[in-house]
Amino acid sequence: MRISAITLAVFLIIGSSVHASGVFPLDVTSELLTGGDMTYTIRNKETLIMLARAYDLGYNEIADANRQVDPWVPARGTRIAVPNTWLLPEIIDNGIIINLAEMRLYCFFSRDGNKYISTYPIGIGREGFNTPTGIYKITFKQKEPVWRVPEDIKKEQPDLPDFVPPGPDNPLGKFWLQLSVNGYGIHGTNKPYGVGRRVSHGCIRLYPEDIELLAAFVEPGTPVKIINEAVKVGTHNNKVYIEVHRSEEKVAGLVQMAGEKLSRKRLLKYVDTQLMILAIESATGLPAVISK
């Protein structure tokens, strides 16, 4: 599926002004992807999971960035931080990087000689059905897929049919991107409020509107790297940043992890250790400056 210049321009407008996620030009001099600071003021009977969908975020992202707020009954007038900046796990020329720890997908691609990043929140495998890490590729792309119900799901829900045709009841949504690992893929969903949660049987779920955009950028053969890194570090405008996500790892382990990443990038000597530890302890998922 080819993207016209007009279509890409629309995607760029969406990415920069309507939703937190979207399509951004790639700046190879910076490891920080930013759409600018965003906030929202609670008006009436809104929940954080509703705002997550409205701003194209995962529930985990908006909840972690607003831990002092009741996610289901936020008080009227409460100002909500809308995450709109991310440290890149790494920079590549082409392909997809999925970081399970932050439940976010990054797609790097080129059009007309220019490089872009498309980024979206995801839902991933729940306990006992962990999404596998590793290096894979997209083997095929299918629009309006038929869901062939796996045996393990049939055991949990014996009333399910063997096949679910395309339509609103299909858990795969409008697109299926098969990975080169049996039984796993990237797809849409008919349960969008599972994005930003560990709820699947191992596949990677996107909001219905996001899978359509992603499917436009990828073709069979696109490389996919799946990692699970709760700590990311990088630089932007001569400042050192860290981004920390919730993890079962203890603070001491995360500090060691951060130190190793900073050392590999030769940034450790520029870091204020106390700022780094504070960012690790708070684990808001928001990039924080830790420069001296």
Protein backbone atom coordinates (compact mmCIF):
# COMPACT_ATOMS: atom_id res chain seq x y z
CA MET A 1 0.00 0.00 0.00
CA ARG A 2 1.62 3.27 -1.13
CA ILE A 3 1.17 6.55 0.73
CA SER A 4 0.64 9.74 -1.23
CA ALA A 5 2.25 13.02 -0.19
CA ILE A 6 -1.20 14.36 0.71
CA THR A 7 -1.99 11.35 2.90
CA LEU A 8 1.35 11.62 4.67
CA ALA A 9 0.76 15.33 5.28
CA VAL A 10 -2.56 14.49 6.93
CA PHE A 11 -0.83 11.91 9.14
CA LEU A 12 1.75 14.51 10.18
CA ILE A 13 -1.01 16.95 11.14
CA ILE A 14 -2.73 14.25 13.18
CA GLY A 15 0.49 13.29 14.88
CA SER A 16 1.45 16.81 15.89
CA SER A 17 -1.79 18.45 16.91
CA VAL A 18 -4.64 16.04 17.61
CA HIS A 19 -3.24 12.92 19.19
CA ALA A 20 -0.23 12.31 21.37
CA SER A 21 0.97 9.54 19.07
CA GLY A 22 1.23 9.70 15.31
CA VAL A 23 3.87 10.39 12.67
CA PHE A 24 6.95 12.54 13.32
CA PRO A 25 9.93 13.54 11.15
CA LEU A 26 13.04 11.72 12.35
CA ASP A 27 15.74 13.97 13.80
CA VAL A 28 18.87 11.80 13.92
CA THR A 29 20.62 14.35 16.17
CA SER A 30 18.16 13.71 19.01
CA GLU A 31 17.04 10.63 20.91
CA LEU A 32 13.94 12.42 22.17
CA LEU A 33 10.69 12.26 20.23
CA THR A 34 8.43 15.12 21.27
CA GLY A 35 5.10 16.58 20.27
CA GLY A 36 5.22 19.29 22.97
CA ASP A 37 3.78 19.35 26.46
CA MET A 38 0.05 18.61 26.69
CA THR A 39 -2.47 18.80 29.53
CA TYR A 40 -6.21 18.26 29.85
CA THR A 41 -8.61 19.55 32.48
CA ILE A 42 -11.26 17.11 33.68
CA ARG A 43 -14.76 18.41 32.96
CA ASN A 44 -17.45 15.87 33.71
CA LYS A 45 -17.52 12.10 34.33
CA GLU A 46 -14.34 11.42 32.36
CA THR A 47 -11.94 8.64 33.24
CA LEU A 48 -8.26 8.27 32.44
CA ILE A 49 -8.98 5.26 30.25
CA MET A 50 -11.35 7.43 28.18
CA LEU A 51 -8.69 10.13 27.86
CA ALA A 52 -6.09 7.53 26.90
CA ARG A 53 -8.21 6.50 23.90
CA ALA A 54 -8.98 10.11 22.98
CA TYR A 55 -5.29 11.04 22.96
CA ASP A 56 -4.04 7.80 21.42
CA LEU A 57 -2.20 6.68 24.54
CA GLY A 58 -2.08 3.41 26.39
CA TYR A 59 -3.88 3.26 29.72
CA ASN A 60 -0.53 2.51 31.39
CA GLU A 61 0.99 5.74 30.07
CA ILE A 62 -1.67 8.13 31.24
CA ALA A 63 -2.16 6.35 34.58
CA ASP A 64 1.57 6.31 35.40
CA ALA A 65 1.95 9.97 34.46
CA ASN A 66 -0.93 10.89 36.83
CA ARG A 67 -0.49 8.54 39.78
CA GLN A 68 -1.96 11.05 42.22
CA VAL A 69 -5.27 10.98 40.29
CA ASP A 70 -8.05 8.40 40.75
CA PRO A 71 -8.13 6.90 37.23
CA TRP A 72 -11.84 6.05 37.39
CA VAL A 73 -13.25 9.07 39.23
CA PRO A 74 -10.88 12.01 38.66
CA ALA A 75 -12.14 15.19 40.31
CA ARG A 76 -13.66 17.85 38.14
CA GLY A 77 -11.07 20.54 37.37
CA THR A 78 -8.09 18.19 37.77
CA ARG A 79 -5.30 18.92 35.31
CA ILE A 80 -4.14 15.74 33.63
CA ALA A 81 -0.65 15.35 32.17
CA VAL A 82 -0.93 13.92 28.65
CA PRO A 83 2.33 12.11 27.78
CA ASN A 84 3.55 13.39 24.44
CA THR A 85 7.30 12.83 24.59
CA TRP A 86 9.32 9.62 24.47
CA LEU A 87 12.95 8.60 24.40
CA LEU A 88 13.60 6.37 21.41
CA PRO A 89 14.71 2.84 22.34
CA GLU A 90 17.17 3.15 19.45
CA ILE A 91 17.30 4.73 16.01
CA ILE A 92 17.12 2.50 12.92
CA ASP A 93 16.70 3.16 9.20
CA ASN A 94 13.68 0.95 8.64
CA GLY A 95 11.52 -1.36 10.67
CA ILE A 96 9.59 -1.71 13.91
CA ILE A 97 10.81 -1.64 17.50
CA ILE A 98 8.38 -2.76 20.20
CA ASN A 99 9.22 -2.11 23.84
CA LEU A 100 7.06 -4.32 26.03
CA ALA A 101 8.01 -2.49 29.23
CA GLU A 102 6.44 0.75 28.01
CA MET A 103 3.80 -0.95 25.83
CA ARG A 104 4.66 1.17 22.81
CA LEU A 105 5.56 0.50 19.18
CA TYR A 106 7.93 2.60 17.05
CA CYS A 107 7.92 2.25 13.27
CA PHE A 108 10.78 3.81 11.28
CA PHE A 109 10.18 4.36 7.57
CA SER A 110 11.15 6.59 4.62
CA ARG A 111 9.04 8.41 2.06
CA ASP A 112 10.35 10.57 -0.79
CA GLY A 113 13.84 10.64 0.68
CA ASN A 114 12.70 11.73 4.14
CA LYS A 115 12.73 9.63 7.32
CA TYR A 116 9.82 9.39 9.75
CA ILE A 117 8.76 7.66 12.96
CA SER A 118 5.25 6.41 13.53
CA THR A 119 4.53 5.53 17.16
CA TYR A 120 1.53 3.91 18.84
CA PRO A 121 0.48 2.43 22.20
CA ILE A 122 -0.07 -1.31 22.35
CA GLY A 123 -1.63 -4.06 24.43
CA ILE A 124 0.55 -7.12 25.08
CA GLY A 125 0.47 -10.63 26.50
CA ARG A 126 -0.82 -11.21 30.00
CA GLU A 127 0.92 -13.30 32.66
CA GLY A 128 1.40 -16.82 31.41
CA PHE A 129 1.07 -15.67 27.79
CA ASN A 130 4.02 -13.30 27.61
CA THR A 131 4.77 -11.64 24.28
CA PRO A 132 8.14 -13.04 23.12
CA THR A 133 11.18 -10.82 22.75
CA GLY A 134 13.55 -11.25 19.82
CA ILE A 135 14.24 -10.21 16.25
CA TYR A 136 11.57 -11.12 13.71
CA LYS A 137 9.97 -9.79 10.54
CA ILE A 138 6.52 -9.28 9.06
CA THR A 139 5.82 -12.31 6.89
CA PHE A 140 2.45 -11.22 5.51
CA LYS A 141 -0.23 -8.57 5.87
CA GLN A 142 -3.94 -9.34 5.73
CA LYS A 143 -6.86 -6.93 5.63
CA GLU A 144 -10.16 -8.03 7.20
CA PRO A 145 -8.66 -11.24 8.62
CA VAL A 146 -10.60 -14.30 9.74
CA TRP A 147 -9.78 -15.26 13.33
CA ARG A 148 -9.03 -18.94 13.63
CA VAL A 149 -9.59 -19.46 17.31
CA PRO A 150 -6.48 -21.08 18.93
CA GLU A 151 -6.94 -24.23 20.99
CA ASP A 152 -5.77 -22.60 24.25
CA ILE A 153 -8.44 -19.91 23.91
CA LYS A 154 -11.06 -22.52 23.03
CA LYS A 155 -10.25 -24.28 26.29
CA GLU A 156 -10.88 -21.05 28.21
CA GLN A 157 -14.00 -20.17 26.20
CA PRO A 158 -15.49 -23.41 24.80
CA ASP A 159 -18.52 -21.59 23.40
CA LEU A 160 -16.40 -19.81 20.82
CA PRO A 161 -16.72 -20.97 17.21
CA ASP A 162 -13.75 -22.36 15.30
CA PHE A 163 -13.66 -19.26 13.08
CA VAL A 164 -14.76 -15.65 13.55
CA PRO A 165 -15.36 -13.78 10.28
CA PRO A 166 -14.36 -10.15 9.66
CA GLY A 167 -16.55 -7.64 11.43
CA PRO A 168 -17.09 -5.87 14.76
CA ASP A 169 -16.87 -9.11 16.77
CA ASN A 170 -13.48 -10.10 15.36
CA PRO A 171 -10.72 -9.65 18.01
CA LEU A 172 -8.12 -9.12 15.25
CA GLY A 173 -9.73 -5.94 13.99
CA LYS A 174 -9.22 -4.81 10.39
CA PHE A 175 -5.59 -5.86 9.90
CA TRP A 176 -3.32 -8.75 10.84
CA LEU A 177 0.46 -8.41 10.49
CA GLN A 178 1.93 -11.89 10.87
CA LEU A 179 5.28 -12.16 12.66
CA SER A 180 7.92 -14.75 11.81
CA VAL A 181 7.18 -16.58 15.04
CA ASN A 182 4.32 -19.06 14.96
CA GLY A 183 1.03 -17.84 16.43
CA TYR A 184 2.04 -14.21 17.02
CA GLY A 185 1.19 -11.04 15.17
CA ILE A 186 0.38 -7.35 15.35
CA HIS A 187 -3.30 -6.55 14.88
CA GLY A 188 -6.25 -4.32 15.67
CA THR A 189 -8.83 -5.09 18.32
CA ASN A 190 -12.55 -4.99 19.07
CA LYS A 191 -11.70 -4.21 22.71
CA PRO A 192 -9.74 -0.94 22.49
CA TYR A 193 -9.63 -0.38 26.24
CA GLY A 194 -7.15 -3.24 26.47
CA VAL A 195 -4.47 -1.06 24.85
CA GLY A 196 -1.88 -0.15 27.46
CA ARG A 197 -2.60 -3.33 29.41
CA ARG A 198 -1.30 -6.88 29.62
CA VAL A 199 -4.43 -8.64 28.40
CA SER A 200 -3.70 -10.63 25.24
CA HIS A 201 -2.57 -14.21 24.67
CA GLY A 202 0.78 -12.86 23.46
CA CYS A 203 -0.13 -10.89 20.35
CA ILE A 204 0.34 -7.14 20.05
CA ARG A 205 -2.87 -5.10 19.88
CA LEU A 206 -3.32 -1.58 18.51
CA TYR A 207 -6.29 0.76 18.55
CA PRO A 208 -8.46 0.27 15.42
CA GLU A 209 -7.43 3.66 14.03
CA ASP A 210 -3.75 2.98 14.66
CA ILE A 211 -3.50 -0.42 13.00
CA GLU A 212 -4.82 1.13 9.79
CA LEU A 213 -2.03 3.72 9.83
CA LEU A 214 0.66 1.20 10.75
CA ALA A 215 -0.48 -1.20 8.04
CA ALA A 216 0.05 1.58 5.50
CA PHE A 217 3.73 1.88 6.49
CA VAL A 218 4.77 -1.78 6.59
CA GLU A 219 5.02 -4.57 4.06
CA PRO A 220 6.09 -8.21 4.28
CA GLY A 221 9.78 -8.32 5.07
CA THR A 222 9.70 -5.37 7.47
CA PRO A 223 12.04 -6.18 10.39
CA VAL A 224 10.54 -6.24 13.91
CA LYS A 225 12.61 -6.08 17.09
CA ILE A 226 10.78 -6.79 20.35
CA ILE A 227 12.55 -5.72 23.55
CA ASN A 228 11.58 -5.43 27.21
CA GLU A 229 13.48 -2.46 28.66
CA ALA A 230 12.04 -0.52 31.59
CA VAL A 231 14.82 2.08 31.43
CA LYS A 232 15.75 4.22 28.42
CA VAL A 233 18.41 6.95 28.33
CA GLY A 234 19.39 9.49 25.69
CA THR A 235 20.25 13.08 24.85
CA HIS A 236 18.44 16.09 23.46
CA ASN A 237 19.78 19.66 23.15
CA ASN A 238 22.91 18.76 25.15
CA LYS A 239 20.87 17.41 28.07
CA VAL A 240 20.78 13.84 29.34
CA TYR A 241 17.37 12.23 29.79
CA ILE A 242 16.06 9.08 31.41
CA GLU A 243 12.66 7.43 30.99
CA VAL A 244 11.58 4.78 33.49
CA HIS A 245 8.54 2.51 33.35
CA ARG A 246 6.98 0.31 36.00
CA SER A 247 8.87 -2.91 36.45
CA GLU A 248 9.14 -5.88 38.79
CA GLU A 249 12.84 -5.04 38.98
CA LYS A 250 13.88 -3.41 42.27
CA VAL A 251 15.25 0.14 42.34
CA ALA A 252 18.82 -1.09 42.80
CA GLY A 253 18.55 -3.22 39.68
CA LEU A 254 17.10 -0.33 37.68
CA VAL A 255 19.91 1.97 38.89
CA GLN A 256 22.45 -0.59 37.69
CA MET A 257 20.62 -0.91 34.38
CA ALA A 258 20.59 2.86 33.92
CA GLY A 259 24.27 3.14 34.82
CA GLU A 260 25.22 0.50 32.27
CA LYS A 261 23.19 2.20 29.52
CA LEU A 262 24.67 5.62 30.35
CA SER A 263 28.19 4.18 30.43
CA ARG A 264 27.77 2.57 27.00
CA LYS A 265 26.73 5.95 25.63
CA ARG A 266 29.55 7.71 27.53
CA LEU A 267 27.04 9.90 29.34
CA LEU A 268 27.53 8.82 32.95
CA LYS A 269 29.96 11.65 33.81
CA TYR A 270 27.31 14.22 32.87
CA VAL A 271 24.61 12.76 35.14
CA ASP A 272 23.35 13.98 38.51
CA THR A 273 23.02 10.68 40.39
CA GLN A 274 20.32 11.96 42.76
CA LEU A 275 18.15 13.14 39.85
CA MET A 276 18.60 9.75 38.20
CA ILE A 277 17.55 7.85 41.35
CA LEU A 278 14.54 10.15 41.84
CA ALA A 279 13.38 9.47 38.27
CA ILE A 280 13.82 5.73 38.79
CA GLU A 281 11.89 5.73 42.05
CA SER A 282 8.98 7.74 40.60
CA ALA A 283 8.80 5.70 37.34
CA THR A 284 6.27 8.01 35.69
CA GLY A 285 7.13 6.89 32.18
CA LEU A 286 7.90 10.53 31.34
CA PRO A 287 11.37 11.56 30.10
CA ALA A 288 13.23 13.43 32.85
CA VAL A 289 16.38 15.54 32.65
CA ILE A 290 19.19 14.07 34.79
CA SER A 291 22.07 16.26 33.68
CA LYS A 292 24.34 17.81 36.29
